[in-house]
Amino acid sequence: MLNNKEKTTYEEKNKKKDIEAVINIYTSFNNTIVHVTDMSGITLAKVSGGMVTKHGRLKANPTIAMFITKRITEKIKDLGIKSLYARIRAKTGNPAPGPGAHTIIRSLSREGFKILNILDTTKIPRGGPKKKGGRRGRRP
């Protein structure tokens, strides 16, 4: 009797607990890369625009971002992940992420994933190396 009761409570605890993962979205105006890791940083799935389409000009398209999301969700659902932390990153120095980032977040929420947090991890240049052009700048 006690063993059955202990087993059911243990199973219930595992069912209630959602498995969490981190989804890293890198979007530039040339490509979109989605990389899913567990909380410790081990890669679970990785899909880029070039894996979905062969047209170079379409890799950063919102439509292709939807196809990327479909491939990612197939891989993630098999692992039992239900909750995601999203990290969106644009190219260094760009004011906004590329066209696919918003679409990926929307598609994930439509697929039934719980998005716990959205974080912008775009790197910001702080001074850096000397710009080209010399002392008087670039002249026409």
C-alpha atoms as a PDB file:
ATOM      1  CA  MET A   1       0.000   0.000   0.000  1.00  0.00           C
ATOM      2  CA  LEU A   2       2.662   2.518   0.966  1.00  0.00           C
ATOM      3  CA  ASN A   3       4.711   1.820  -2.177  1.00  0.00           C
ATOM      4  CA  ASN A   4       1.775   2.592  -4.496  1.00  0.00           C
ATOM      5  CA  LYS A   5       1.033   5.820  -2.677  1.00  0.00           C
ATOM      6  CA  GLU A   6       4.679   6.928  -2.824  1.00  0.00           C
ATOM      7  CA  LYS A   7       4.922   6.128  -6.528  1.00  0.00           C
ATOM      8  CA  THR A   8       1.822   8.107  -7.438  1.00  0.00           C
ATOM      9  CA  THR A   9       2.983  11.189  -5.563  1.00  0.00           C
ATOM     10  CA  TYR A  10       6.396  10.974  -7.224  1.00  0.00           C
ATOM     11  CA  GLU A  11       4.797  10.626 -10.679  1.00  0.00           C
ATOM     12  CA  GLU A  12       2.473  13.542  -9.993  1.00  0.00           C
ATOM     13  CA  LYS A  13       5.424  15.728  -9.022  1.00  0.00           C
ATOM     14  CA  ASN A  14       7.203  14.908 -12.282  1.00  0.00           C
ATOM     15  CA  LYS A  15       4.088  15.585 -14.347  1.00  0.00           C
ATOM     16  CA  LYS A  16       3.544  18.994 -12.743  1.00  0.00           C
ATOM     17  CA  LYS A  17       7.138  20.112 -13.284  1.00  0.00           C
ATOM     18  CA  ASP A  18       7.685  21.717 -16.692  1.00  0.00           C
ATOM     19  CA  ILE A  19      11.040  21.121 -18.302  1.00  0.00           C
ATOM     20  CA  GLU A  20      12.631  24.470 -19.134  1.00  0.00           C
ATOM     21  CA  ALA A  21      15.104  25.394 -21.858  1.00  0.00           C
ATOM     22  CA  VAL A  22      16.800  28.489 -23.290  1.00  0.00           C
ATOM     23  CA  ILE A  23      16.181  29.433 -26.915  1.00  0.00           C
ATOM     24  CA  ASN A  24      18.868  31.679 -28.421  1.00  0.00           C
ATOM     25  CA  ILE A  25      17.687  33.542 -31.519  1.00  0.00           C
ATOM     26  CA  TYR A  26      20.316  35.322 -33.622  1.00  0.00           C
ATOM     27  CA  THR A  27      18.813  37.451 -36.385  1.00  0.00           C
ATOM     28  CA  SER A  28      20.712  39.599 -38.816  1.00  0.00           C
ATOM     29  CA  PHE A  29      19.460  40.989 -42.106  1.00  0.00           C
ATOM     30  CA  ASN A  30      21.164  38.083 -43.910  1.00  0.00           C
ATOM     31  CA  ASN A  31      20.363  35.023 -41.788  1.00  0.00           C
ATOM     32  CA  THR A  32      18.412  33.637 -38.813  1.00  0.00           C
ATOM     33  CA  ILE A  33      19.897  31.075 -36.419  1.00  0.00           C
ATOM     34  CA  VAL A  34      17.948  29.391 -33.607  1.00  0.00           C
ATOM     35  CA  HIS A  35      19.857  27.440 -30.962  1.00  0.00           C
ATOM     36  CA  VAL A  36      18.087  25.624 -28.115  1.00  0.00           C
ATOM     37  CA  THR A  37      20.011  24.656 -24.978  1.00  0.00           C
ATOM     38  CA  ASP A  38      19.032  23.262 -21.611  1.00  0.00           C
ATOM     39  CA  MET A  39      19.534  25.400 -18.510  1.00  0.00           C
ATOM     40  CA  SER A  40      23.167  24.304 -18.142  1.00  0.00           C
ATOM     41  CA  GLY A  41      24.044  25.237 -21.745  1.00  0.00           C
ATOM     42  CA  ILE A  42      24.088  21.828 -23.456  1.00  0.00           C
ATOM     43  CA  THR A  43      22.819  22.004 -27.051  1.00  0.00           C
ATOM     44  CA  LEU A  44      19.479  20.308 -27.686  1.00  0.00           C
ATOM     45  CA  ALA A  45      18.678  21.570 -31.203  1.00  0.00           C
ATOM     46  CA  LYS A  46      20.051  24.051 -33.712  1.00  0.00           C
ATOM     47  CA  VAL A  47      18.462  25.212 -36.985  1.00  0.00           C
ATOM     48  CA  SER A  48      19.488  28.041 -39.326  1.00  0.00           C
ATOM     49  CA  GLY A  49      17.933  29.649 -42.374  1.00  0.00           C
ATOM     50  CA  GLY A  50      20.303  27.802 -44.703  1.00  0.00           C
ATOM     51  CA  MET A  51      19.028  24.450 -43.417  1.00  0.00           C
ATOM     52  CA  VAL A  52      15.476  25.377 -44.422  1.00  0.00           C
ATOM     53  CA  THR A  53      15.959  27.179 -47.751  1.00  0.00           C
ATOM     54  CA  LYS A  54      18.602  27.185 -50.447  1.00  0.00           C
ATOM     55  CA  HIS A  55      17.906  30.769 -51.574  1.00  0.00           C
ATOM     56  CA  GLY A  56      20.434  33.082 -49.931  1.00  0.00           C
ATOM     57  CA  ARG A  57      18.191  36.118 -50.134  1.00  0.00           C
ATOM     58  CA  LEU A  58      15.359  34.402 -48.201  1.00  0.00           C
ATOM     59  CA  LYS A  59      17.306  33.228 -45.143  1.00  0.00           C
ATOM     60  CA  ALA A  60      16.278  36.248 -43.036  1.00  0.00           C
ATOM     61  CA  ASN A  61      12.640  36.200 -44.189  1.00  0.00           C
ATOM     62  CA  PRO A  62       9.808  35.991 -41.600  1.00  0.00           C
ATOM     63  CA  THR A  63       8.249  33.146 -43.623  1.00  0.00           C
ATOM     64  CA  ILE A  64      11.461  31.123 -43.374  1.00  0.00           C
ATOM     65  CA  ALA A  65      11.529  31.932 -39.639  1.00  0.00           C
ATOM     66  CA  MET A  66       8.185  30.121 -39.330  1.00  0.00           C
ATOM     67  CA  PHE A  67       9.659  27.028 -41.004  1.00  0.00           C
ATOM     68  CA  ILE A  68      12.665  27.229 -38.665  1.00  0.00           C
ATOM     69  CA  THR A  69      10.263  27.300 -35.704  1.00  0.00           C
ATOM     70  CA  LYS A  70       8.406  24.242 -36.999  1.00  0.00           C
ATOM     71  CA  ARG A  71      11.642  22.248 -37.201  1.00  0.00           C
ATOM     72  CA  ILE A  72      12.691  23.384 -33.727  1.00  0.00           C
ATOM     73  CA  THR A  73       9.312  22.525 -32.171  1.00  0.00           C
ATOM     74  CA  GLU A  74       9.410  19.006 -33.624  1.00  0.00           C
ATOM     75  CA  LYS A  75      12.780  18.398 -31.977  1.00  0.00           C
ATOM     76  CA  ILE A  76      11.865  20.065 -28.665  1.00  0.00           C
ATOM     77  CA  LYS A  77       8.477  18.405 -28.156  1.00  0.00           C
ATOM     78  CA  ASP A  78      10.102  14.971 -28.332  1.00  0.00           C
ATOM     79  CA  LEU A  79      12.272  15.984 -25.360  1.00  0.00           C
ATOM     80  CA  GLY A  80       9.249  17.096 -23.320  1.00  0.00           C
ATOM     81  CA  ILE A  81      10.123  20.783 -23.049  1.00  0.00           C
ATOM     82  CA  LYS A  82       7.178  23.081 -22.361  1.00  0.00           C
ATOM     83  CA  SER A  83       8.710  26.334 -21.043  1.00  0.00           C
ATOM     84  CA  LEU A  84      11.274  28.551 -22.756  1.00  0.00           C
ATOM     85  CA  TYR A  85      13.479  31.493 -21.885  1.00  0.00           C
ATOM     86  CA  ALA A  86      14.067  33.498 -25.083  1.00  0.00           C
ATOM     87  CA  ARG A  87      17.293  35.395 -25.795  1.00  0.00           C
ATOM     88  CA  ILE A  88      17.178  37.539 -28.916  1.00  0.00           C
ATOM     89  CA  ARG A  89      20.454  38.797 -30.369  1.00  0.00           C
ATOM     90  CA  ALA A  90      21.036  41.085 -33.349  1.00  0.00           C
ATOM     91  CA  LYS A  91      24.290  41.839 -35.132  1.00  0.00           C
ATOM     92  CA  THR A  92      26.648  43.924 -32.987  1.00  0.00           C
ATOM     93  CA  GLY A  93      25.890  47.612 -33.321  1.00  0.00           C
ATOM     94  CA  ASN A  94      22.461  47.171 -34.962  1.00  0.00           C
ATOM     95  CA  PRO A  95      19.639  49.057 -33.264  1.00  0.00           C
ATOM     96  CA  ALA A  96      17.050  46.286 -33.797  1.00  0.00           C
ATOM     97  CA  PRO A  97      17.016  42.540 -34.456  1.00  0.00           C
ATOM     98  CA  GLY A  98      16.331  41.163 -37.930  1.00  0.00           C
ATOM     99  CA  PRO A  99      12.912  40.428 -39.398  1.00  0.00           C
ATOM    100  CA  GLY A 100      12.621  36.844 -38.126  1.00  0.00           C
ATOM    101  CA  ALA A 101      12.876  37.322 -34.342  1.00  0.00           C
ATOM    102  CA  HIS A 102       9.332  38.494 -33.664  1.00  0.00           C
ATOM    103  CA  THR A 103       7.897  35.799 -35.937  1.00  0.00           C
ATOM    104  CA  ILE A 104       9.756  33.027 -34.106  1.00  0.00           C
ATOM    105  CA  ILE A 105       8.458  34.166 -30.703  1.00  0.00           C
ATOM    106  CA  ARG A 106       4.885  34.364 -32.027  1.00  0.00           C
ATOM    107  CA  SER A 107       5.118  30.924 -33.654  1.00  0.00           C
ATOM    108  CA  LEU A 108       6.472  29.339 -30.470  1.00  0.00           C
ATOM    109  CA  SER A 109       3.616  30.708 -28.384  1.00  0.00           C
ATOM    110  CA  ARG A 110       1.117  29.463 -30.992  1.00  0.00           C
ATOM    111  CA  GLU A 111       2.651  25.985 -30.824  1.00  0.00           C
ATOM    112  CA  GLY A 112       1.807  25.867 -27.115  1.00  0.00           C
ATOM    113  CA  PHE A 113       5.127  26.729 -25.488  1.00  0.00           C
ATOM    114  CA  LYS A 114       5.160  28.924 -22.402  1.00  0.00           C
ATOM    115  CA  ILE A 115       7.606  31.794 -22.894  1.00  0.00           C
ATOM    116  CA  LEU A 116       8.825  32.817 -19.454  1.00  0.00           C
ATOM    117  CA  ASN A 117      11.179  35.656 -20.356  1.00  0.00           C
ATOM    118  CA  ILE A 118      12.380  37.554 -23.428  1.00  0.00           C
ATOM    119  CA  LEU A 119      15.854  39.077 -23.149  1.00  0.00           C
ATOM    120  CA  ASP A 120      17.760  41.190 -25.666  1.00  0.00           C
ATOM    121  CA  THR A 121      21.428  40.126 -25.608  1.00  0.00           C
ATOM    122  CA  THR A 122      22.699  42.257 -28.500  1.00  0.00           C
ATOM    123  CA  LYS A 123      26.293  43.304 -27.955  1.00  0.00           C
ATOM    124  CA  ILE A 124      26.960  47.044 -27.810  1.00  0.00           C
ATOM    125  CA  PRO A 125      30.303  48.456 -28.992  1.00  0.00           C
ATOM    126  CA  ARG A 126      31.993  50.628 -26.360  1.00  0.00           C
ATOM    127  CA  GLY A 127      34.594  52.703 -28.190  1.00  0.00           C
ATOM    128  CA  GLY A 128      36.439  49.819 -29.826  1.00  0.00           C
ATOM    129  CA  PRO A 129      39.167  50.044 -32.466  1.00  0.00           C
ATOM    130  CA  LYS A 130      39.844  53.157 -34.540  1.00  0.00           C
ATOM    131  CA  LYS A 131      37.412  53.687 -37.397  1.00  0.00           C
ATOM    132  CA  LYS A 132      38.768  53.676 -40.919  1.00  0.00           C
ATOM    133  CA  GLY A 133      39.021  56.876 -42.881  1.00  0.00           C
ATOM    134  CA  GLY A 134      41.945  58.676 -41.264  1.00  0.00           C
ATOM    135  CA  ARG A 135      42.025  61.949 -39.402  1.00  0.00           C
ATOM    136  CA  ARG A 136      39.854  63.965 -41.808  1.00  0.00           C
ATOM    137  CA  GLY A 137      37.305  61.164 -42.365  1.00  0.00           C
ATOM    138  CA  ARG A 138      36.092  59.632 -45.606  1.00  0.00           C
ATOM    139  CA  ARG A 139      35.838  62.129 -48.463  1.00  0.00           C
ATOM    140  CA  PRO A 140      33.917  61.758 -51.753  1.00  0.00           C
END
